[in-house]
Amino acid sequence: MIIEKAILLVSWIVASTCIWFFVPRDKIRNFIVAFLFKQSITWISGLLVVEMGLIQYPVRIFQIATTASFTFEFYVYPVICAFFNIYYPEDSTNTYKFFYYAIICSIITVLEVILEQHTQLIRYIHWEWYWTWITLFLTFYLSRVYYRWHFKVNKAA
């Protein structure tokens, strides 16, 4: 349980530090819009998968308030998605853009699988790693579509 709490604390520190040092001043508004949009998606979907008995989060903060992982669903994933959007390779080829999505989703999925196998932070009940990858890809795509609409970006997602 100590390692799990340490991972949660480090996740908050790393995500917050990355925001402080790697969000350019002229992209703060963009970051916030992408962050809040992804947060709205992950919060709802995170609660759904837990309530449907697909995933459990045995060790989490705010255990009385929510059965979902507040740290990952409400903070870490939205931070990653916001960075995904502000550093999106807008002028690249569609192939490069697809690999941008795929690499980000794959890294997150691999890290989640490691956490699932070696900690009590997440337990797959009726869930597999590929569902994580697919849902990440879809939510990142939705966030990109919203980001493009909100900021009137004309290039393809």
Foldseek 3Di string as FASTA:
>chain_A
DVVVVVVLVVLVVVLVVCCVPPQDPVCPVLLVLQLVLQLVVLVVVQQVCVVVVFKFFPDEPPVVPGRGHCSVSRGNLSSLLSVCQVPQPQPDDPVVNVVSLQVSLVVVLVVVVCCQVPHSRMDGDNDDSVVSSVVSSVSSQVSNVVSCVVVVPDGDD
